Amino acid sequence: PSSPVYREHALALTRAIAERYREH
């Protein structure tokens, strides 16, 4: 849970999904 690698990739995925479906 403290991994900076996990957090970096998780936040990148979160942003990609949010931007894709922000207006759905």
mmCIF file of all heavy atoms, coordinates in Angstrom:
data_MODEL
# 
_entry.id   MODEL 
# 
loop_
_atom_site.group_PDB 
_atom_site.id 
_atom_site.type_symbol 
_atom_site.label_atom_id 
_atom_site.label_alt_id 
_atom_site.label_comp_id 
_atom_site.label_asym_id 
_atom_site.label_entity_id 
_atom_site.label_seq_id 
_atom_site.pdbx_PDB_ins_code 
_atom_site.Cartn_x 
_atom_site.Cartn_y 
_atom_site.Cartn_z 
_atom_site.occupancy 
_atom_site.B_iso_or_equiv 
_atom_site.pdbx_formal_charge 
_atom_site.auth_seq_id 
_atom_site.auth_comp_id 
_atom_site.auth_asym_id 
_atom_site.auth_atom_id 
_atom_site.pdbx_PDB_model_num 
ATOM 1   N N   . PRO A 1 1  ? 0.798   -1.231 0.000   1.00 0.00 ? 1  PRO A N   1 
ATOM 2   C CA  . PRO A 1 1  ? 0.000   0.000  0.000   1.00 0.00 ? 1  PRO A CA  1 
ATOM 3   C C   . PRO A 1 1  ? 0.831   1.281  0.000   1.00 0.00 ? 1  PRO A C   1 
ATOM 4   O O   . PRO A 1 1  ? 0.322   2.334  -0.399  1.00 0.00 ? 1  PRO A O   1 
ATOM 5   C CB  . PRO A 1 1  ? -0.819  -0.116 1.288   1.00 0.00 ? 1  PRO A CB  1 
ATOM 6   C CG  . PRO A 1 1  ? -0.908  -1.581 1.555   1.00 0.00 ? 1  PRO A CG  1 
ATOM 7   C CD  . PRO A 1 1  ? 0.417   -2.127 1.117   1.00 0.00 ? 1  PRO A CD  1 
ATOM 8   N N   . SER A 1 2  ? 2.100   1.198  0.431   1.00 0.00 ? 2  SER A N   1 
ATOM 9   C CA  . SER A 1 2  ? 2.953   2.380  0.471   1.00 0.00 ? 2  SER A CA  1 
ATOM 10  C C   . SER A 1 2  ? 3.804   2.550  -0.780  1.00 0.00 ? 2  SER A C   1 
ATOM 11  O O   . SER A 1 2  ? 4.556   3.525  -0.886  1.00 0.00 ? 2  SER A O   1 
ATOM 12  C CB  . SER A 1 2  ? 3.889   2.314  1.688   1.00 0.00 ? 2  SER A CB  1 
ATOM 13  O OG  . SER A 1 2  ? 3.161   2.217  2.894   1.00 0.00 ? 2  SER A OG  1 
ATOM 14  N N   . SER A 1 3  ? 3.687   1.632  -1.722  1.00 0.00 ? 3  SER A N   1 
ATOM 15  C CA  . SER A 1 3  ? 4.573   1.627  -2.884  1.00 0.00 ? 3  SER A CA  1 
ATOM 16  C C   . SER A 1 3  ? 4.364   2.856  -3.762  1.00 0.00 ? 3  SER A C   1 
ATOM 17  O O   . SER A 1 3  ? 3.265   3.068  -4.292  1.00 0.00 ? 3  SER A O   1 
ATOM 18  C CB  . SER A 1 3  ? 4.334   0.370  -3.725  1.00 0.00 ? 3  SER A CB  1 
ATOM 19  O OG  . SER A 1 3  ? 4.982   0.475  -4.971  1.00 0.00 ? 3  SER A OG  1 
ATOM 20  N N   . PRO A 1 4  ? 5.416   3.667  -3.996  1.00 0.00 ? 4  PRO A N   1 
ATOM 21  C CA  . PRO A 1 4  ? 5.273   4.804  -4.915  1.00 0.00 ? 4  PRO A CA  1 
ATOM 22  C C   . PRO A 1 4  ? 5.067   4.351  -6.351  1.00 0.00 ? 4  PRO A C   1 
ATOM 23  O O   . PRO A 1 4  ? 4.431   5.053  -7.139  1.00 0.00 ? 4  PRO A O   1 
ATOM 24  C CB  . PRO A 1 4  ? 6.587   5.575  -4.734  1.00 0.00 ? 4  PRO A CB  1 
ATOM 25  C CG  . PRO A 1 4  ? 7.554   4.594  -4.161  1.00 0.00 ? 4  PRO A CG  1 
ATOM 26  C CD  . PRO A 1 4  ? 6.748   3.629  -3.357  1.00 0.00 ? 4  PRO A CD  1 
ATOM 27  N N   . VAL A 1 5  ? 5.591   3.183  -6.697  1.00 0.00 ? 5  VAL A N   1 
ATOM 28  C CA  . VAL A 1 5  ? 5.390   2.644  -8.047  1.00 0.00 ? 5  VAL A CA  1 
ATOM 29  C C   . VAL A 1 5  ? 3.917   2.324  -8.256  1.00 0.00 ? 5  VAL A C   1 
ATOM 30  O O   . VAL A 1 5  ? 3.320   2.696  -9.284  1.00 0.00 ? 5  VAL A O   1 
ATOM 31  C CB  . VAL A 1 5  ? 6.255   1.388  -8.270  1.00 0.00 ? 5  VAL A CB  1 
ATOM 32  C CG1 . VAL A 1 5  ? 5.922   0.736  -9.618  1.00 0.00 ? 5  VAL A CG1 1 
ATOM 33  C CG2 . VAL A 1 5  ? 7.724   1.727  -8.193  1.00 0.00 ? 5  VAL A CG2 1 
ATOM 34  N N   . TYR A 1 6  ? 3.319   1.627  -7.289  1.00 0.00 ? 6  TYR A N   1 
ATOM 35  C CA  . TYR A 1 6  ? 1.893   1.324  -7.410  1.00 0.00 ? 6  TYR A CA  1 
ATOM 36  C C   . TYR A 1 6  ? 1.086   2.613  -7.515  1.00 0.00 ? 6  TYR A C   1 
ATOM 37  O O   . TYR A 1 6  ? 0.200   2.744  -8.379  1.00 0.00 ? 6  TYR A O   1 
ATOM 38  C CB  . TYR A 1 6  ? 1.410   0.511  -6.207  1.00 0.00 ? 6  TYR A CB  1 
ATOM 39  C CG  . TYR A 1 6  ? -0.105  0.442  -6.147  1.00 0.00 ? 6  TYR A CG  1 
ATOM 40  C CD1 . TYR A 1 6  ? -0.804  -0.410 -6.991  1.00 0.00 ? 6  TYR A CD1 1 
ATOM 41  C CD2 . TYR A 1 6  ? -0.828  1.284  -5.292  1.00 0.00 ? 6  TYR A CD2 1 
ATOM 42  C CE1 . TYR A 1 6  ? -2.192  -0.434 -6.976  1.00 0.00 ? 6  TYR A CE1 1 
ATOM 43  C CE2 . TYR A 1 6  ? -2.212  1.255  -5.270  1.00 0.00 ? 6  TYR A CE2 1 
ATOM 44  C CZ  . TYR A 1 6  ? -2.895  0.403  -6.108  1.00 0.00 ? 6  TYR A CZ  1 
ATOM 45  O OH  . TYR A 1 6  ? -4.260  0.385  -6.111  1.00 0.00 ? 6  TYR A OH  1 
ATOM 46  N N   . ARG A 1 7  ? 1.361   3.567  -6.662  1.00 0.00 ? 7  ARG A N   1 
ATOM 47  C CA  . ARG A 1 7  ? 0.570   4.800  -6.647  1.00 0.00 ? 7  ARG A CA  1 
ATOM 48  C C   . ARG A 1 7  ? 0.710   5.564  -7.963  1.00 0.00 ? 7  ARG A C   1 
ATOM 49  O O   . ARG A 1 7  ? -0.280  6.086  -8.489  1.00 0.00 ? 7  ARG A O   1 
ATOM 50  C CB  . ARG A 1 7  ? 0.985   5.668  -5.460  1.00 0.00 ? 7  ARG A CB  1 
ATOM 51  C CG  . ARG A 1 7  ? 0.554   5.087  -4.122  1.00 0.00 ? 7  ARG A CG  1 
ATOM 52  C CD  . ARG A 1 7  ? 0.932   5.969  -2.949  1.00 0.00 ? 7  ARG A CD  1 
ATOM 53  N NE  . ARG A 1 7  ? 0.402   5.426  -1.697  1.00 0.00 ? 7  ARG A NE  1 
ATOM 54  C CZ  . ARG A 1 7  ? 0.581   5.982  -0.501  1.00 0.00 ? 7  ARG A CZ  1 
ATOM 55  N NH1 . ARG A 1 7  ? 1.271   7.117  -0.386  1.00 0.00 ? 7  ARG A NH1 1 
ATOM 56  N NH2 . ARG A 1 7  ? 0.067   5.419  0.586   1.00 0.00 ? 7  ARG A NH2 1 
ATOM 57  N N   . GLU A 1 8  ? 1.911   5.623  -8.499  1.00 0.00 ? 8  GLU A N   1 
ATOM 58  C CA  . GLU A 1 8  ? 2.117   6.337  -9.769  1.00 0.00 ? 8  GLU A CA  1 
ATOM 59  C C   . GLU A 1 8  ? 1.265   5.725  -10.883 1.00 0.00 ? 8  GLU A C   1 
ATOM 60  O O   . GLU A 1 8  ? 0.561   6.438  -11.616 1.00 0.00 ? 8  GLU A O   1 
ATOM 61  C CB  . GLU A 1 8  ? 3.597   6.286  -10.154 1.00 0.00 ? 8  GLU A CB  1 
ATOM 62  C CG  . GLU A 1 8  ? 3.895   6.890  -11.517 1.00 0.00 ? 8  GLU A CG  1 
ATOM 63  C CD  . GLU A 1 8  ? 5.329   6.653  -11.969 1.00 0.00 ? 8  GLU A CD  1 
ATOM 64  O OE1 . GLU A 1 8  ? 6.132   6.121  -11.161 1.00 0.00 ? 8  GLU A OE1 1 
ATOM 65  O OE2 . GLU A 1 8  ? 5.641   6.968  -13.127 1.00 0.00 ? 8  GLU A OE2 1 
ATOM 66  N N   . HIS A 1 9  ? 1.305   4.404  -11.008 1.00 0.00 ? 9  HIS A N   1 
ATOM 67  C CA  . HIS A 1 9  ? 0.569   3.741  -12.085 1.00 0.00 ? 9  HIS A CA  1 
ATOM 68  C C   . HIS A 1 9  ? -0.940  3.747  -11.813 1.00 0.00 ? 9  HIS A C   1 
ATOM 69  O O   . HIS A 1 9  ? -1.743  3.880  -12.748 1.00 0.00 ? 9  HIS A O   1 
ATOM 70  C CB  . HIS A 1 9  ? 1.083   2.322  -12.281 1.00 0.00 ? 9  HIS A CB  1 
ATOM 71  C CG  . HIS A 1 9  ? 2.417   2.260  -12.960 1.00 0.00 ? 9  HIS A CG  1 
ATOM 72  N ND1 . HIS A 1 9  ? 3.601   2.441  -12.285 1.00 0.00 ? 9  HIS A ND1 1 
ATOM 73  C CD2 . HIS A 1 9  ? 2.756   2.063  -14.260 1.00 0.00 ? 9  HIS A CD2 1 
ATOM 74  C CE1 . HIS A 1 9  ? 4.625   2.343  -13.124 1.00 0.00 ? 9  HIS A CE1 1 
ATOM 75  N NE2 . HIS A 1 9  ? 4.135   2.120  -14.332 1.00 0.00 ? 9  HIS A NE2 1 
ATOM 76  N N   . ALA A 1 10 ? -1.337  3.599  -10.548 1.00 0.00 ? 10 ALA A N   1 
ATOM 77  C CA  . ALA A 1 10 ? -2.763  3.622  -10.220 1.00 0.00 ? 10 ALA A CA  1 
ATOM 78  C C   . ALA A 1 10 ? -3.371  4.991  -10.522 1.00 0.00 ? 10 ALA A C   1 
ATOM 79  O O   . ALA A 1 10 ? -4.491  5.084  -11.047 1.00 0.00 ? 10 ALA A O   1 
ATOM 80  C CB  . ALA A 1 10 ? -2.968  3.261  -8.751  1.00 0.00 ? 10 ALA A CB  1 
ATOM 81  N N   . LEU A 1 11 ? -2.648  6.057  -10.223 1.00 0.00 ? 11 LEU A N   1 
ATOM 82  C CA  . LEU A 1 11 ? -3.172  7.391  -10.480 1.00 0.00 ? 11 LEU A CA  1 
ATOM 83  C C   . LEU A 1 11 ? -3.229  7.689  -11.971 1.00 0.00 ? 11 LEU A C   1 
ATOM 84  O O   . LEU A 1 11 ? -4.152  8.373  -12.443 1.00 0.00 ? 11 LEU A O   1 
ATOM 85  C CB  . LEU A 1 11 ? -2.326  8.433  -9.755  1.00 0.00 ? 11 LEU A CB  1 
ATOM 86  C CG  . LEU A 1 11 ? -2.382  8.381  -8.227  1.00 0.00 ? 11 LEU A CG  1 
ATOM 87  C CD1 . LEU A 1 11 ? -1.492  9.447  -7.613  1.00 0.00 ? 11 LEU A CD1 1 
ATOM 88  C CD2 . LEU A 1 11 ? -3.806  8.542  -7.730  1.00 0.00 ? 11 LEU A CD2 1 
ATOM 89  N N   . ALA A 1 12 ? -2.254  7.174  -12.723 1.00 0.00 ? 12 ALA A N   1 
ATOM 90  C CA  . ALA A 1 12 ? -2.294  7.361  -14.178 1.00 0.00 ? 12 ALA A CA  1 
ATOM 91  C C   . ALA A 1 12 ? -3.504  6.660  -14.782 1.00 0.00 ? 12 ALA A C   1 
ATOM 92  O O   . ALA A 1 12 ? -4.179  7.205  -15.668 1.00 0.00 ? 12 ALA A O   1 
ATOM 93  C CB  . ALA A 1 12 ? -1.005  6.836  -14.806 1.00 0.00 ? 12 ALA A CB  1 
ATOM 94  N N   . LEU A 1 13 ? -3.794  5.452  -14.316 1.00 0.00 ? 13 LEU A N   1 
ATOM 95  C CA  . LEU A 1 13 ? -4.967  4.724  -14.811 1.00 0.00 ? 13 LEU A CA  1 
ATOM 96  C C   . LEU A 1 13 ? -6.247  5.448  -14.395 1.00 0.00 ? 13 LEU A C   1 
ATOM 97  O O   . LEU A 1 13 ? -7.185  5.587  -15.206 1.00 0.00 ? 13 LEU A O   1 
ATOM 98  C CB  . LEU A 1 13 ? -4.962  3.298  -14.260 1.00 0.00 ? 13 LEU A CB  1 
ATOM 99  C CG  . LEU A 1 13 ? -6.177  2.434  -14.616 1.00 0.00 ? 13 LEU A CG  1 
ATOM 100 C CD1 . LEU A 1 13 ? -6.274  2.212  -16.119 1.00 0.00 ? 13 LEU A CD1 1 
ATOM 101 C CD2 . LEU A 1 13 ? -6.128  1.096  -13.872 1.00 0.00 ? 13 LEU A CD2 1 
ATOM 102 N N   . THR A 1 14 ? -6.307  5.890  -13.159 1.00 0.00 ? 14 THR A N   1 
ATOM 103 C CA  . THR A 1 14 ? -7.489  6.617  -12.678 1.00 0.00 ? 14 THR A CA  1 
ATOM 104 C C   . THR A 1 14 ? -7.763  7.844  -13.542 1.00 0.00 ? 14 THR A C   1 
ATOM 105 O O   . THR A 1 14 ? -8.913  8.109  -13.935 1.00 0.00 ? 14 THR A O   1 
ATOM 106 C CB  . THR A 1 14 ? -7.290  7.030  -11.212 1.00 0.00 ? 14 THR A CB  1 
ATOM 107 O OG1 . THR A 1 14 ? -7.146  5.861  -10.400 1.00 0.00 ? 14 THR A OG1 1 
ATOM 108 C CG2 . THR A 1 14 ? -8.465  7.855  -10.701 1.00 0.00 ? 14 THR A CG2 1 
ATOM 109 N N   . ARG A 1 15 ? -6.720  8.592  -13.856 1.00 0.00 ? 15 ARG A N   1 
ATOM 110 C CA  . ARG A 1 15 ? -6.902  9.783  -14.683 1.00 0.00 ? 15 ARG A CA  1 
ATOM 111 C C   . ARG A 1 15 ? -7.381  9.419  -16.082 1.00 0.00 ? 15 ARG A C   1 
ATOM 112 O O   . ARG A 1 15 ? -8.284  10.085 -16.632 1.00 0.00 ? 15 ARG A O   1 
ATOM 113 C CB  . ARG A 1 15 ? -5.588  10.576 -14.762 1.00 0.00 ? 15 ARG A CB  1 
ATOM 114 C CG  . ARG A 1 15 ? -5.702  11.863 -15.565 1.00 0.00 ? 15 ARG A CG  1 
ATOM 115 C CD  . ARG A 1 15 ? -4.438  12.697 -15.438 1.00 0.00 ? 15 ARG A CD  1 
ATOM 116 N NE  . ARG A 1 15 ? -4.246  13.163 -14.066 1.00 0.00 ? 15 ARG A NE  1 
ATOM 117 C CZ  . ARG A 1 15 ? -4.830  14.236 -13.557 1.00 0.00 ? 15 ARG A CZ  1 
ATOM 118 N NH1 . ARG A 1 15 ? -5.670  14.962 -14.297 1.00 0.00 ? 15 ARG A NH1 1 
ATOM 119 N NH2 . ARG A 1 15 ? -4.601  14.595 -12.317 1.00 0.00 ? 15 ARG A NH2 1 
ATOM 120 N N   . ALA A 1 16 ? -6.815  8.373  -16.662 1.00 0.00 ? 16 ALA A N   1 
ATOM 121 C CA  . ALA A 1 16 ? -7.213  7.977  -18.013 1.00 0.00 ? 16 ALA A CA  1 
ATOM 122 C C   . ALA A 1 16 ? -8.691  7.585  -18.054 1.00 0.00 ? 16 ALA A C   1 
ATOM 123 O O   . ALA A 1 16 ? -9.428  7.964  -18.975 1.00 0.00 ? 16 ALA A O   1 
ATOM 124 C CB  . ALA A 1 16 ? -6.342  6.828  -18.498 1.00 0.00 ? 16 ALA A CB  1 
ATOM 125 N N   . ILE A 1 17 ? -9.145  6.832  -17.050 1.00 0.00 ? 17 ILE A N   1 
ATOM 126 C CA  . ILE A 1 17 ? -10.547 6.410  -17.003 1.00 0.00 ? 17 ILE A CA  1 
ATOM 127 C C   . ILE A 1 17 ? -11.454 7.615  -16.771 1.00 0.00 ? 17 ILE A C   1 
ATOM 128 O O   . ILE A 1 17 ? -12.506 7.764  -17.408 1.00 0.00 ? 17 ILE A O   1 
ATOM 129 C CB  . ILE A 1 17 ? -10.745 5.353  -15.908 1.00 0.00 ? 17 ILE A CB  1 
ATOM 130 C CG1 . ILE A 1 17 ? -10.017 4.048  -16.281 1.00 0.00 ? 17 ILE A CG1 1 
ATOM 131 C CG2 . ILE A 1 17 ? -12.223 5.069  -15.679 1.00 0.00 ? 17 ILE A CG2 1 
ATOM 132 C CD1 . ILE A 1 17 ? -10.036 3.005  -15.192 1.00 0.00 ? 17 ILE A CD1 1 
ATOM 133 N N   . ALA A 1 18 ? -11.057 8.493  -15.856 1.00 0.00 ? 18 ALA A N   1 
ATOM 134 C CA  . ALA A 1 18 ? -11.886 9.662  -15.547 1.00 0.00 ? 18 ALA A CA  1 
ATOM 135 C C   . ALA A 1 18 ? -12.035 10.559 -16.771 1.00 0.00 ? 18 ALA A C   1 
ATOM 136 O O   . ALA A 1 18 ? -13.142 11.054 -17.059 1.00 0.00 ? 18 ALA A O   1 
ATOM 137 C CB  . ALA A 1 18 ? -11.276 10.432 -14.380 1.00 0.00 ? 18 ALA A CB  1 
ATOM 138 N N   . GLU A 1 19 ? -10.957 10.779 -17.491 1.00 0.00 ? 19 GLU A N   1 
ATOM 139 C CA  . GLU A 1 19 ? -11.037 11.641 -18.667 1.00 0.00 ? 19 GLU A CA  1 
ATOM 140 C C   . GLU A 1 19 ? -11.835 10.996 -19.782 1.00 0.00 ? 19 GLU A C   1 
ATOM 141 O O   . GLU A 1 19 ? -12.538 11.683 -20.530 1.00 0.00 ? 19 GLU A O   1 
ATOM 142 C CB  . GLU A 1 19 ? -9.626  11.993 -19.131 1.00 0.00 ? 19 GLU A CB  1 
ATOM 143 C CG  . GLU A 1 19 ? -8.910  12.929 -18.151 1.00 0.00 ? 19 GLU A CG  1 
ATOM 144 C CD  . GLU A 1 19 ? -7.490  13.248 -18.558 1.00 0.00 ? 19 GLU A CD  1 
ATOM 145 O OE1 . GLU A 1 19 ? -6.953  12.540 -19.462 1.00 0.00 ? 19 GLU A OE1 1 
ATOM 146 O OE2 . GLU A 1 19 ? -6.898  14.179 -17.977 1.00 0.00 ? 19 GLU A OE2 1 
ATOM 147 N N   . ARG A 1 20 ? -11.777 9.671  -19.877 1.00 0.00 ? 20 ARG A N   1 
ATOM 148 C CA  . ARG A 1 20 ? -12.533 8.967  -20.915 1.00 0.00 ? 20 ARG A CA  1 
ATOM 149 C C   . ARG A 1 20 ? -14.041 9.057  -20.676 1.00 0.00 ? 20 ARG A C   1 
ATOM 150 O O   . ARG A 1 20 ? -14.816 9.215  -21.623 1.00 0.00 ? 20 ARG A O   1 
ATOM 151 C CB  . ARG A 1 20 ? -12.095 7.494  -20.942 1.00 0.00 ? 20 ARG A CB  1 
ATOM 152 C CG  . ARG A 1 20 ? -12.792 6.643  -21.993 1.00 0.00 ? 20 ARG A CG  1 
ATOM 153 C CD  . ARG A 1 20 ? -12.218 6.879  -23.355 1.00 0.00 ? 20 ARG A CD  1 
ATOM 154 N NE  . ARG A 1 20 ? -12.739 5.973  -24.357 1.00 0.00 ? 20 ARG A NE  1 
ATOM 155 C CZ  . ARG A 1 20 ? -12.181 5.788  -25.560 1.00 0.00 ? 20 ARG A CZ  1 
ATOM 156 N NH1 . ARG A 1 20 ? -11.067 6.448  -25.865 1.00 0.00 ? 20 ARG A NH1 1 
ATOM 157 N NH2 . ARG A 1 20 ? -12.713 4.972  -26.441 1.00 0.00 ? 20 ARG A NH2 1 
ATOM 158 N N   . TYR A 1 21 ? -14.466 8.936  -19.412 1.00 0.00 ? 21 TYR A N   1 
ATOM 159 C CA  . TYR A 1 21 ? -15.899 8.782  -19.136 1.00 0.00 ? 21 TYR A CA  1 
ATOM 160 C C   . TYR A 1 21 ? -16.489 9.950  -18.345 1.00 0.00 ? 21 TYR A C   1 
ATOM 161 O O   . TYR A 1 21 ? -17.595 9.834  -17.813 1.00 0.00 ? 21 TYR A O   1 
ATOM 162 C CB  . TYR A 1 21 ? -16.132 7.458  -18.396 1.00 0.00 ? 21 TYR A CB  1 
ATOM 163 C CG  . TYR A 1 21 ? -15.699 6.276  -19.233 1.00 0.00 ? 21 TYR A CG  1 
ATOM 164 C CD1 . TYR A 1 21 ? -14.559 5.554  -18.902 1.00 0.00 ? 21 TYR A CD1 1 
ATOM 165 C CD2 . TYR A 1 21 ? -16.401 5.917  -20.376 1.00 0.00 ? 21 TYR A CD2 1 
ATOM 166 C CE1 . TYR A 1 21 ? -14.142 4.488  -19.684 1.00 0.00 ? 21 TYR A CE1 1 
ATOM 167 C CE2 . TYR A 1 21 ? -15.998 4.853  -21.171 1.00 0.00 ? 21 TYR A CE2 1 
ATOM 168 C CZ  . TYR A 1 21 ? -14.859 4.142  -20.820 1.00 0.00 ? 21 TYR A CZ  1 
ATOM 169 O OH  . TYR A 1 21 ? -14.456 3.095  -21.607 1.00 0.00 ? 21 TYR A OH  1 
ATOM 170 N N   . ARG A 1 22 ? -15.789 11.059 -18.326 1.00 0.00 ? 22 ARG A N   1 
ATOM 171 C CA  . ARG A 1 22 ? -16.221 12.197 -17.510 1.00 0.00 ? 22 ARG A CA  1 
ATOM 172 C C   . ARG A 1 22 ? -17.607 12.698 -17.884 1.00 0.00 ? 22 ARG A C   1 
ATOM 173 O O   . ARG A 1 22 ? -18.351 13.188 -17.033 1.00 0.00 ? 22 ARG A O   1 
ATOM 174 C CB  . ARG A 1 22 ? -15.209 13.335 -17.630 1.00 0.00 ? 22 ARG A CB  1 
ATOM 175 C CG  . ARG A 1 22 ? -15.051 13.889 -19.053 1.00 0.00 ? 22 ARG A CG  1 
ATOM 176 C CD  . ARG A 1 22 ? -13.844 14.798 -19.199 1.00 0.00 ? 22 ARG A CD  1 
ATOM 177 N NE  . ARG A 1 22 ? -13.895 15.927 -18.284 1.00 0.00 ? 22 ARG A NE  1 
ATOM 178 C CZ  . ARG A 1 22 ? -12.866 16.750 -18.092 1.00 0.00 ? 22 ARG A CZ  1 
ATOM 179 N NH1 . ARG A 1 22 ? -11.719 16.550 -18.729 1.00 0.00 ? 22 ARG A NH1 1 
ATOM 180 N NH2 . ARG A 1 22 ? -12.986 17.757 -17.273 1.00 0.00 ? 22 ARG A NH2 1 
ATOM 181 N N   . GLU A 1 23 ? -17.998 12.572 -19.143 1.00 0.00 ? 23 GLU A N   1 
ATOM 182 C CA  . GLU A 1 23 ? -19.299 13.070 -19.585 1.00 0.00 ? 23 GLU A CA  1 
ATOM 183 C C   . GLU A 1 23 ? -20.278 11.957 -19.919 1.00 0.00 ? 23 GLU A C   1 
ATOM 184 O O   . GLU A 1 23 ? -21.353 12.236 -20.462 1.00 0.00 ? 23 GLU A O   1 
ATOM 185 C CB  . GLU A 1 23 ? -19.110 13.973 -20.814 1.00 0.00 ? 23 GLU A CB  1 
ATOM 186 C CG  . GLU A 1 23 ? -18.225 15.183 -20.580 1.00 0.00 ? 23 GLU A CG  1 
ATOM 187 C CD  . GLU A 1 23 ? -18.772 16.115 -19.514 1.00 0.00 ? 23 GLU A CD  1 
ATOM 188 O OE1 . GLU A 1 23 ? -19.992 16.083 -19.257 1.00 0.00 ? 23 GLU A OE1 1 
ATOM 189 O OE2 . GLU A 1 23 ? -17.978 16.879 -18.932 1.00 0.00 ? 23 GLU A OE2 1 
ATOM 190 N N   . HIS A 1 24 ? -19.935 10.712 -19.623 1.00 0.00 ? 24 HIS A N   1 
ATOM 191 C CA  . HIS A 1 24 ? -20.849 9.627  -19.981 1.00 0.00 ? 24 HIS A CA  1 
ATOM 192 C C   . HIS A 1 24 ? -22.118 9.732  -19.135 1.00 0.00 ? 24 HIS A C   1 
ATOM 193 O O   . HIS A 1 24 ? -22.061 9.798  -17.907 1.00 0.00 ? 24 HIS A O   1 
ATOM 194 C CB  . HIS A 1 24 ? -20.194 8.265  -19.770 1.00 0.00 ? 24 HIS A CB  1 
ATOM 195 C CG  . HIS A 1 24 ? -20.905 7.157  -20.493 1.00 0.00 ? 24 HIS A CG  1 
ATOM 196 N ND1 . HIS A 1 24 ? -22.111 6.653  -20.077 1.00 0.00 ? 24 HIS A ND1 1 
ATOM 197 C CD2 . HIS A 1 24 ? -20.582 6.480  -21.632 1.00 0.00 ? 24 HIS A CD2 1 
ATOM 198 C CE1 . HIS A 1 24 ? -22.510 5.712  -20.910 1.00 0.00 ? 24 HIS A CE1 1 
ATOM 199 N NE2 . HIS A 1 24 ? -21.595 5.586  -21.867 1.00 0.00 ? 24 HIS A NE2 1 
# 
